[in-house]
Amino acid sequence: MEEKMMLTMPETAKLTNIGVAKLKQIAREYSDFPCIKIGVKHLVIKEKLPEWFEKHKGEELWRN
């Protein structure tokens, strides 16, 4: 079976242990978050996710 290139928000939430609502908030607030939006669906570029978290390591990402 071929590995997926893109992850849905629920798949990303399971992988990162961050809730879907928070991931969507991050996607809205950080223009460099590695995702694309197709209609109402957000797809995360799996291979870019680790480097994005590394870049933002130490930051408080949970803005309210």
Protein backbone atom coordinates (compact mmCIF):
# COMPACT_ATOMS: atom_id res chain seq x y z
CA MET A 1 0.00 0.00 0.00
CA GLU A 2 1.31 3.43 -0.96
CA GLU A 3 1.95 5.96 1.81
CA LYS A 4 -0.28 9.03 1.80
CA MET A 5 1.23 12.35 0.79
CA MET A 6 -1.54 14.42 2.37
CA LEU A 7 -3.34 13.98 5.69
CA THR A 8 -6.81 15.11 6.68
CA MET A 9 -7.13 17.18 9.84
CA PRO A 10 -8.42 14.18 11.86
CA GLU A 11 -5.44 12.10 10.68
CA THR A 12 -3.07 14.95 11.54
CA ALA A 13 -4.72 15.31 14.96
CA LYS A 14 -4.16 11.62 15.65
CA LEU A 15 -0.54 11.82 14.49
CA THR A 16 0.32 14.98 16.48
CA ASN A 17 -2.00 14.56 19.48
CA ILE A 18 -3.38 18.07 18.82
CA GLY A 19 -7.14 18.53 18.46
CA VAL A 20 -8.72 19.17 15.07
CA ALA A 21 -10.09 22.58 16.15
CA LYS A 22 -6.62 23.71 17.29
CA LEU A 23 -5.02 22.47 14.07
CA LYS A 24 -7.56 24.44 12.03
CA GLN A 25 -6.84 27.49 14.18
CA ILE A 26 -3.10 27.09 13.56
CA ALA A 27 -3.76 26.71 9.82
CA ARG A 28 -5.74 29.97 9.85
CA GLU A 29 -3.24 31.94 11.93
CA TYR A 30 0.06 30.71 10.43
CA SER A 31 0.36 31.26 6.71
CA ASP A 32 3.36 28.92 6.61
CA PHE A 33 1.48 25.94 8.08
CA PRO A 34 1.89 23.17 5.49
CA CYS A 35 -1.68 22.67 4.40
CA ILE A 36 -3.97 23.44 1.53
CA LYS A 37 -7.68 24.07 1.70
CA ILE A 38 -9.96 22.51 -0.87
CA GLY A 39 -13.48 23.75 -0.28
CA VAL A 40 -14.03 23.18 3.44
CA LYS A 41 -11.44 20.42 3.67
CA HIS A 42 -7.92 21.08 4.96
CA LEU A 43 -5.18 18.71 3.78
CA VAL A 44 -1.82 18.73 5.52
CA ILE A 45 1.39 18.01 3.62
CA LYS A 46 2.73 15.15 5.74
CA GLU A 47 6.39 15.47 4.74
CA LYS A 48 6.50 19.21 5.63
CA LEU A 49 4.88 18.83 9.07
CA PRO A 50 8.03 17.91 11.09
CA GLU A 51 10.04 20.85 9.70
CA TRP A 52 7.15 23.24 10.44
CA PHE A 53 7.07 22.12 14.09
CA GLU A 54 10.86 22.36 14.29
CA LYS A 55 10.72 25.92 12.94
CA HIS A 56 8.12 26.92 15.55
CA LYS A 57 9.63 24.97 18.45
CA GLY A 58 9.44 26.97 21.67
CA GLU A 59 6.67 29.28 20.43
CA GLU A 60 3.29 29.48 22.08
CA LEU A 61 1.04 28.33 19.25
CA TRP A 62 -2.27 28.40 21.07
CA ARG A 63 -3.36 31.97 20.56
CA ASN A 64 -6.89 32.71 21.75
